[in-house]
Amino acid sequence: MASITNIHRLRRVLPFVCRRFVSTSKKNNETATADVCKAAATTTKPAAQRDWISYGFDEENKEDDRSAMHSLMFASVTLCIAVIGFFLAYMPDYNNRDWAQREAFLELRRREQNGLPLVDPNFIDPAKINLPSDEELGDMEIII
């Protein structure tokens, strides 16, 4: 139990010991100050990995990390866009959006083969149409 109380006292003293002292000498390279507490806490990394931030694929090897990142970006961006674009371009006609145009081409082909006019002026028999007479229309404006 006594060791626990000693650690507690050490915590209170430690910030005062690790303070950096202010140098009042000239600003030249003859004097140097070192922060002993921070230097002991940090571990030195090799020079090759000092400026490397991982993409999260491999924390140990820079080349494997970059290779995995580039492979995944190629697969997700390039291939997915190409595959989805190909699928959308060659997808079958759902909801029959182009049905009327296909039906019109079929009707034109049928009329050409039978020697009929492409557009019939009497599509509906005029005898079946009941139009109002001029007396029934009166002063009504007719817009065509």
N, C-alpha and C. Protein backbone atom coordinates (compact mmCIF):
# COMPACT_ATOMS: atom_id res chain seq x y z
N MET A 1 0.82 -1.18 0.00
CA MET A 1 0.00 0.00 0.00
C MET A 1 0.87 1.26 0.00
N ALA A 2 1.99 1.17 0.60
CA ALA A 2 2.89 2.32 0.68
C ALA A 2 3.42 2.68 -0.71
N SER A 3 3.63 1.66 -1.58
CA SER A 3 4.15 1.95 -2.92
C SER A 3 3.13 2.72 -3.76
N ILE A 4 1.84 2.49 -3.54
CA ILE A 4 0.80 3.21 -4.27
C ILE A 4 0.82 4.69 -3.90
N THR A 5 0.98 4.98 -2.66
CA THR A 5 1.03 6.38 -2.24
C THR A 5 2.29 7.06 -2.76
N ASN A 6 3.38 6.34 -2.90
CA ASN A 6 4.61 6.93 -3.44
C ASN A 6 4.46 7.27 -4.92
N ILE A 7 3.75 6.43 -5.66
CA ILE A 7 3.50 6.71 -7.08
C ILE A 7 2.65 7.96 -7.22
N HIS A 8 1.70 8.10 -6.31
CA HIS A 8 0.84 9.27 -6.34
C HIS A 8 1.65 10.55 -6.09
N ARG A 9 2.60 10.49 -5.20
CA ARG A 9 3.47 11.64 -4.94
C ARG A 9 4.36 11.94 -6.14
N LEU A 10 4.82 10.88 -6.81
CA LEU A 10 5.68 11.04 -7.98
C LEU A 10 4.93 11.74 -9.12
N ARG A 11 3.66 11.47 -9.25
CA ARG A 11 2.86 12.13 -10.28
C ARG A 11 2.80 13.64 -10.07
N ARG A 12 2.76 14.06 -8.82
CA ARG A 12 2.70 15.49 -8.55
C ARG A 12 4.05 16.16 -8.78
N VAL A 13 5.14 15.46 -8.59
CA VAL A 13 6.48 16.03 -8.72
C VAL A 13 6.95 16.01 -10.17
N LEU A 14 6.53 15.01 -10.95
CA LEU A 14 7.02 14.78 -12.30
C LEU A 14 6.84 15.99 -13.24
N PRO A 15 5.72 16.71 -13.26
CA PRO A 15 5.62 17.87 -14.16
C PRO A 15 6.64 18.95 -13.86
N PHE A 16 7.05 19.10 -12.61
CA PHE A 16 8.03 20.14 -12.28
C PHE A 16 9.44 19.73 -12.71
N VAL A 17 9.73 18.44 -12.72
CA VAL A 17 11.06 17.96 -13.08
C VAL A 17 11.26 18.04 -14.59
N CYS A 18 10.23 17.76 -15.37
CA CYS A 18 10.35 17.68 -16.83
C CYS A 18 10.22 19.03 -17.51
N ARG A 19 10.22 20.12 -16.78
CA ARG A 19 10.11 21.43 -17.39
C ARG A 19 11.38 21.77 -18.15
N ARG A 20 11.21 22.55 -19.17
CA ARG A 20 12.34 22.98 -19.97
C ARG A 20 12.81 24.32 -19.42
N PHE A 21 14.09 24.40 -19.19
CA PHE A 21 14.64 25.64 -18.64
C PHE A 21 14.92 26.63 -19.75
N VAL A 22 14.72 27.89 -19.48
CA VAL A 22 14.92 28.95 -20.45
C VAL A 22 16.41 29.30 -20.49
N SER A 23 16.95 29.30 -21.69
CA SER A 23 18.35 29.66 -21.86
C SER A 23 18.45 31.16 -22.10
N THR A 24 19.36 31.81 -21.38
CA THR A 24 19.54 33.26 -21.54
C THR A 24 20.79 33.58 -22.33
N SER A 25 21.44 32.57 -22.91
CA SER A 25 22.65 32.83 -23.69
C SER A 25 22.26 33.30 -25.08
N LYS A 26 23.28 33.63 -25.87
CA LYS A 26 23.07 34.08 -27.22
C LYS A 26 22.44 32.96 -28.05
N LYS A 27 21.70 33.34 -29.11
CA LYS A 27 21.05 32.36 -29.97
C LYS A 27 22.04 31.87 -31.03
N ASN A 28 22.89 30.99 -30.63
CA ASN A 28 23.79 30.38 -31.59
C ASN A 28 23.78 28.87 -31.35
N ASN A 29 24.51 28.15 -32.11
CA ASN A 29 24.47 26.69 -32.04
C ASN A 29 25.37 26.10 -30.96
N GLU A 30 25.97 26.92 -30.11
CA GLU A 30 26.86 26.39 -29.07
C GLU A 30 26.07 25.79 -27.92
N THR A 31 24.87 26.29 -27.69
CA THR A 31 24.08 25.75 -26.58
C THR A 31 22.94 24.91 -27.14
N ALA A 32 22.61 23.90 -26.39
CA ALA A 32 21.51 23.03 -26.82
C ALA A 32 20.72 22.61 -25.59
N THR A 33 19.44 22.56 -25.73
CA THR A 33 18.58 22.09 -24.65
C THR A 33 17.84 20.86 -25.15
N ALA A 34 17.59 19.95 -24.26
CA ALA A 34 16.90 18.72 -24.63
C ALA A 34 15.79 18.46 -23.64
N ASP A 35 14.70 18.00 -24.12
CA ASP A 35 13.58 17.64 -23.28
C ASP A 35 13.71 16.15 -22.98
N VAL A 36 14.18 15.81 -21.82
CA VAL A 36 14.50 14.43 -21.47
C VAL A 36 13.24 13.60 -21.34
N CYS A 37 12.19 14.15 -20.77
CA CYS A 37 10.96 13.38 -20.55
C CYS A 37 10.30 12.99 -21.87
N LYS A 38 10.22 13.92 -22.81
CA LYS A 38 9.59 13.61 -24.09
C LYS A 38 10.47 12.71 -24.93
N ALA A 39 11.78 12.87 -24.84
CA ALA A 39 12.69 12.04 -25.63
C ALA A 39 12.65 10.60 -25.16
N ALA A 40 12.48 10.38 -23.88
CA ALA A 40 12.43 9.01 -23.37
C ALA A 40 11.10 8.36 -23.70
N ALA A 41 10.04 9.14 -23.80
CA ALA A 41 8.72 8.57 -24.05
C ALA A 41 8.54 8.17 -25.50
N THR A 42 9.15 8.89 -26.43
CA THR A 42 8.96 8.57 -27.84
C THR A 42 10.02 7.58 -28.28
N THR A 43 9.62 6.72 -29.19
CA THR A 43 10.57 5.77 -29.76
C THR A 43 10.97 6.28 -31.13
N THR A 44 12.21 6.08 -31.47
CA THR A 44 12.69 6.55 -32.77
C THR A 44 12.31 5.54 -33.84
N LYS A 45 11.87 6.05 -34.97
CA LYS A 45 11.51 5.21 -36.11
C LYS A 45 12.64 5.28 -37.12
N PRO A 46 12.73 4.29 -37.98
CA PRO A 46 13.73 4.37 -39.05
C PRO A 46 13.46 5.57 -39.95
N ALA A 47 14.49 6.05 -40.59
CA ALA A 47 14.37 7.27 -41.40
C ALA A 47 13.40 7.10 -42.56
N ALA A 48 13.27 5.88 -43.10
CA ALA A 48 12.39 5.66 -44.25
C ALA A 48 10.92 5.78 -43.88
N GLN A 49 10.57 5.42 -42.65
CA GLN A 49 9.16 5.41 -42.26
C GLN A 49 8.79 6.63 -41.41
N ARG A 50 9.67 7.55 -41.22
CA ARG A 50 9.40 8.67 -40.34
C ARG A 50 8.30 9.57 -40.89
N ASP A 51 8.26 9.81 -42.20
CA ASP A 51 7.28 10.71 -42.79
C ASP A 51 6.13 9.96 -43.46
N TRP A 52 5.85 8.75 -43.07
CA TRP A 52 4.84 7.92 -43.73
C TRP A 52 3.59 7.84 -42.88
N ILE A 53 2.45 8.14 -43.50
CA ILE A 53 1.16 7.97 -42.83
C ILE A 53 0.42 6.86 -43.57
N SER A 54 0.01 5.86 -42.84
CA SER A 54 -0.61 4.68 -43.44
C SER A 54 -2.02 4.99 -43.93
N TYR A 55 -2.43 4.29 -44.99
CA TYR A 55 -3.80 4.37 -45.47
C TYR A 55 -4.71 3.41 -44.70
N GLY A 56 -4.16 2.61 -43.83
CA GLY A 56 -4.95 1.72 -43.00
C GLY A 56 -4.98 0.28 -43.48
N PHE A 57 -4.28 -0.03 -44.55
CA PHE A 57 -4.28 -1.39 -45.05
C PHE A 57 -3.15 -2.22 -44.44
N ASP A 58 -2.02 -1.60 -44.21
CA ASP A 58 -0.89 -2.28 -43.60
C ASP A 58 -0.11 -1.25 -42.79
N GLU A 59 -0.01 -1.47 -41.49
CA GLU A 59 0.65 -0.51 -40.61
C GLU A 59 2.17 -0.69 -40.59
N GLU A 60 2.66 -1.83 -41.06
CA GLU A 60 4.08 -2.14 -40.95
C GLU A 60 4.88 -1.81 -42.20
N ASN A 61 4.31 -2.10 -43.37
CA ASN A 61 5.07 -1.99 -44.61
C ASN A 61 4.46 -0.91 -45.50
N LYS A 62 5.25 0.07 -45.87
CA LYS A 62 4.76 1.19 -46.68
C LYS A 62 4.37 0.72 -48.09
N GLU A 63 5.17 -0.14 -48.71
CA GLU A 63 4.90 -0.60 -50.07
C GLU A 63 3.62 -1.42 -50.13
N ASP A 64 3.41 -2.31 -49.16
CA ASP A 64 2.18 -3.11 -49.13
C ASP A 64 0.96 -2.24 -48.91
N ASP A 65 1.11 -1.22 -48.08
CA ASP A 65 0.00 -0.31 -47.81
C ASP A 65 -0.38 0.46 -49.07
N ARG A 66 0.61 1.00 -49.77
CA ARG A 66 0.34 1.75 -50.99
C ARG A 66 -0.22 0.83 -52.08
N SER A 67 0.32 -0.38 -52.19
CA SER A 67 -0.15 -1.32 -53.20
C SER A 67 -1.61 -1.70 -52.96
N ALA A 68 -1.95 -1.96 -51.71
CA ALA A 68 -3.34 -2.30 -51.39
C ALA A 68 -4.27 -1.12 -51.66
N MET A 69 -3.84 0.08 -51.34
CA MET A 69 -4.67 1.26 -51.58
C MET A 69 -4.89 1.47 -53.08
N HIS A 70 -3.83 1.39 -53.87
CA HIS A 70 -3.97 1.61 -55.31
C HIS A 70 -4.80 0.51 -55.96
N SER A 71 -4.65 -0.73 -55.52
CA SER A 71 -5.46 -1.83 -56.07
C SER A 71 -6.93 -1.64 -55.75
N LEU A 72 -7.22 -1.27 -54.52
CA LEU A 72 -8.61 -1.08 -54.13
C LEU A 72 -9.24 0.11 -54.85
N MET A 73 -8.50 1.20 -54.99
CA MET A 73 -9.04 2.36 -55.70
C MET A 73 -9.27 2.04 -57.18
N PHE A 74 -8.34 1.30 -57.79
CA PHE A 74 -8.55 0.91 -59.18
C PHE A 74 -9.79 0.04 -59.32
N ALA A 75 -9.92 -0.93 -58.44
CA ALA A 75 -11.07 -1.84 -58.53
C ALA A 75 -12.38 -1.11 -58.24
N SER A 76 -12.40 -0.28 -57.22
CA SER A 76 -13.67 0.34 -56.84
C SER A 76 -14.07 1.46 -57.77
N VAL A 77 -13.15 2.27 -58.22
CA VAL A 77 -13.51 3.41 -59.05
C VAL A 77 -13.60 3.02 -60.52
N THR A 78 -12.52 2.53 -61.07
CA THR A 78 -12.47 2.27 -62.51
C THR A 78 -13.37 1.12 -62.92
N LEU A 79 -13.20 -0.03 -62.29
CA LEU A 79 -13.97 -1.18 -62.71
C LEU A 79 -15.45 -1.04 -62.37
N CYS A 80 -15.77 -0.50 -61.21
CA CYS A 80 -17.18 -0.35 -60.84
C CYS A 80 -17.89 0.63 -61.77
N ILE A 81 -17.25 1.72 -62.10
CA ILE A 81 -17.87 2.68 -63.01
C ILE A 81 -18.05 2.05 -64.39
N ALA A 82 -17.05 1.31 -64.86
CA ALA A 82 -17.15 0.69 -66.18
C ALA A 82 -18.24 -0.39 -66.19
N VAL A 83 -18.29 -1.22 -65.17
CA VAL A 83 -19.28 -2.31 -65.13
C VAL A 83 -20.69 -1.74 -64.97
N ILE A 84 -20.86 -0.77 -64.10
CA ILE A 84 -22.19 -0.18 -63.92
C ILE A 84 -22.62 0.57 -65.18
N GLY A 85 -21.69 1.28 -65.82
CA GLY A 85 -22.02 1.97 -67.07
C GLY A 85 -22.39 0.99 -68.17
N PHE A 86 -21.66 -0.12 -68.28
CA PHE A 86 -21.98 -1.15 -69.27
C PHE A 86 -23.35 -1.75 -68.99
N PHE A 87 -23.64 -2.02 -67.72
CA PHE A 87 -24.93 -2.60 -67.35
C PHE A 87 -26.08 -1.65 -67.68
N LEU A 88 -25.91 -0.36 -67.37
CA LEU A 88 -26.98 0.60 -67.66
C LEU A 88 -27.17 0.82 -69.15
N ALA A 89 -26.08 0.77 -69.92
CA ALA A 89 -26.19 1.01 -71.36
C ALA A 89 -26.87 -0.14 -72.08
N TYR A 90 -26.64 -1.37 -71.64
CA TYR A 90 -27.18 -2.53 -72.33
C TYR A 90 -28.29 -3.23 -71.56
N MET A 91 -28.90 -2.54 -70.64
CA MET A 91 -29.99 -3.11 -69.86
C MET A 91 -31.24 -3.22 -70.75
N PRO A 92 -32.02 -4.27 -70.56
CA PRO A 92 -33.23 -4.39 -71.37
C PRO A 92 -34.23 -3.27 -71.06
N ASP A 93 -35.18 -3.09 -71.96
CA ASP A 93 -36.15 -2.01 -71.86
C ASP A 93 -37.20 -2.36 -70.81
N TYR A 94 -36.96 -1.94 -69.60
CA TYR A 94 -37.95 -2.20 -68.55
C TYR A 94 -39.04 -1.13 -68.63
N ASN A 95 -40.20 -1.42 -68.19
CA ASN A 95 -41.39 -0.55 -68.22
C ASN A 95 -41.80 -0.16 -69.64
N ASN A 96 -41.27 -0.84 -70.67
CA ASN A 96 -41.63 -0.60 -72.07
C ASN A 96 -41.59 0.88 -72.44
N ARG A 97 -40.49 1.54 -72.12
CA ARG A 97 -40.36 2.96 -72.44
C ARG A 97 -40.29 3.21 -73.93
N ASP A 98 -39.70 2.29 -74.70
CA ASP A 98 -39.54 2.47 -76.14
C ASP A 98 -40.56 1.66 -76.94
N TRP A 99 -41.64 1.24 -76.33
CA TRP A 99 -42.62 0.39 -77.00
C TRP A 99 -43.27 1.12 -78.17
N ALA A 100 -43.65 2.37 -78.01
CA ALA A 100 -44.35 3.10 -79.06
C ALA A 100 -43.47 3.28 -80.29
N GLN A 101 -42.20 3.54 -80.09
CA GLN A 101 -41.30 3.71 -81.23
C GLN A 101 -41.09 2.39 -81.96
N ARG A 102 -40.92 1.29 -81.24
CA ARG A 102 -40.78 -0.01 -81.88
C ARG A 102 -42.06 -0.38 -82.64
N GLU A 103 -43.20 -0.11 -82.06
CA GLU A 103 -44.47 -0.41 -82.70
C GLU A 103 -44.66 0.43 -83.96
N ALA A 104 -44.22 1.69 -83.94
CA ALA A 104 -44.33 2.55 -85.13
C ALA A 104 -43.45 2.03 -86.26
N PHE A 105 -42.24 1.57 -85.96
CA PHE A 105 -41.37 1.02 -87.00
C PHE A 105 -41.98 -0.25 -87.60
N LEU A 106 -42.58 -1.08 -86.77
CA LEU A 106 -43.23 -2.29 -87.28
C LEU A 106 -44.41 -1.94 -88.19
N GLU A 107 -45.20 -0.95 -87.80
CA GLU A 107 -46.34 -0.53 -88.62
C GLU A 107 -45.88 0.08 -89.94
N LEU A 108 -44.80 0.89 -89.92
CA LEU A 108 -44.27 1.45 -91.16
C LEU A 108 -43.77 0.35 -92.10
N ARG A 109 -43.10 -0.64 -91.58
CA ARG A 109 -42.62 -1.75 -92.40
C ARG A 109 -43.80 -2.51 -93.01
N ARG A 110 -44.85 -2.73 -92.22
CA ARG A 110 -46.02 -3.45 -92.73
C ARG A 110 -46.70 -2.66 -93.85
N ARG A 111 -46.82 -1.33 -93.68
CA ARG A 111 -47.48 -0.50 -94.70
C ARG A 111 -46.64 -0.44 -95.97
N GLU A 112 -45.30 -0.39 -95.85
CA GLU A 112 -44.45 -0.38 -97.04
C GLU A 112 -44.55 -1.69 -97.80
N GLN A 113 -44.58 -2.81 -97.10
CA GLN A 113 -44.67 -4.12 -97.75
C GLN A 113 -46.01 -4.31 -98.46
N ASN A 114 -47.09 -3.74 -97.91
CA ASN A 114 -48.41 -3.89 -98.51
C ASN A 114 -48.72 -2.80 -99.53
N GLY A 115 -47.83 -1.82 -99.71
CA GLY A 115 -48.03 -0.76 -100.69
C GLY A 115 -49.03 0.29 -100.24
N LEU A 116 -49.29 0.39 -98.98
CA LEU A 116 -50.22 1.38 -98.44
C LEU A 116 -49.49 2.70 -98.18
N PRO A 117 -50.21 3.82 -98.11
CA PRO A 117 -49.54 5.06 -97.73
C PRO A 117 -49.05 4.97 -96.29
N LEU A 118 -47.92 5.66 -96.01
CA LEU A 118 -47.33 5.54 -94.67
C LEU A 118 -48.25 6.10 -93.60
N VAL A 119 -48.92 7.22 -93.90
CA VAL A 119 -49.88 7.80 -92.98
C VAL A 119 -51.22 7.88 -93.72
N ASP A 120 -52.23 7.23 -93.21
CA ASP A 120 -53.54 7.21 -93.86
C ASP A 120 -54.31 8.48 -93.51
N PRO A 121 -54.75 9.26 -94.51
CA PRO A 121 -55.51 10.48 -94.19
C PRO A 121 -56.87 10.17 -93.57
N ASN A 122 -57.41 9.02 -93.85
CA ASN A 122 -58.70 8.61 -93.27
C ASN A 122 -58.46 7.50 -92.25
N PHE A 123 -57.70 7.81 -91.23
CA PHE A 123 -57.40 6.82 -90.19
C PHE A 123 -58.69 6.34 -89.52
N ILE A 124 -59.61 7.29 -89.30
CA ILE A 124 -60.94 6.96 -88.80
C ILE A 124 -61.92 7.27 -89.94
N ASP A 125 -62.86 6.38 -90.16
CA ASP A 125 -63.84 6.57 -91.22
C ASP A 125 -64.62 7.86 -90.98
N PRO A 126 -64.64 8.78 -91.98
CA PRO A 126 -65.34 10.06 -91.78
C PRO A 126 -66.83 9.90 -91.52
N ALA A 127 -67.41 8.79 -91.93
CA ALA A 127 -68.84 8.58 -91.71
C ALA A 127 -69.15 8.36 -90.23
N LYS A 128 -68.16 7.91 -89.48
CA LYS A 128 -68.37 7.63 -88.06
C LYS A 128 -68.20 8.86 -87.18
N ILE A 129 -67.68 9.95 -87.73
CA ILE A 129 -67.42 11.15 -86.94
C ILE A 129 -68.64 12.06 -86.99
N ASN A 130 -69.15 12.46 -85.85
CA ASN A 130 -70.29 13.37 -85.75
C ASN A 130 -69.78 14.75 -85.37
N LEU A 131 -69.75 15.66 -86.36
CA LEU A 131 -69.31 17.03 -86.12
C LEU A 131 -70.54 17.92 -85.94
N PRO A 132 -70.44 18.96 -85.10
CA PRO A 132 -71.57 19.88 -84.97
C PRO A 132 -71.74 20.73 -86.23
N SER A 133 -72.96 21.12 -86.50
CA SER A 133 -73.23 21.96 -87.67
C SER A 133 -72.85 23.40 -87.36
N ASP A 134 -72.89 24.26 -88.43
CA ASP A 134 -72.52 25.67 -88.25
C ASP A 134 -73.51 26.38 -87.35
N GLU A 135 -74.81 26.01 -87.40
CA GLU A 135 -75.80 26.64 -86.53
C GLU A 135 -75.54 26.31 -85.07
N GLU A 136 -75.10 25.06 -84.81
CA GLU A 136 -74.83 24.66 -83.42
C GLU A 136 -73.59 25.37 -82.88
N LEU A 137 -72.64 25.62 -83.76
CA LEU A 137 -71.41 26.30 -83.30
C LEU A 137 -71.68 27.78 -83.03
N GLY A 138 -72.46 28.43 -83.86
CA GLY A 138 -72.80 29.83 -83.66
C GLY A 138 -71.58 30.74 -83.73
N ASP A 139 -71.40 31.58 -82.70
CA ASP A 139 -70.30 32.53 -82.67
C ASP A 139 -69.04 31.97 -81.99
N MET A 140 -69.03 30.69 -81.68
CA MET A 140 -67.90 30.08 -80.96
C MET A 140 -66.63 30.14 -81.81
N GLU A 141 -65.57 30.54 -81.18
CA GLU A 141 -64.28 30.64 -81.89
C GLU A 141 -63.68 29.24 -82.04
N ILE A 142 -63.20 28.93 -83.21
CA ILE A 142 -62.60 27.62 -83.49
C ILE A 142 -61.10 27.83 -83.62
N ILE A 143 -60.36 27.15 -82.80
CA ILE A 143 -58.90 27.23 -82.82
C ILE A 143 -58.36 25.90 -83.34
N ILE A 144 -57.58 25.99 -84.41
CA ILE A 144 -57.02 24.76 -84.97
C ILE A 144 -55.53 24.74 -84.73
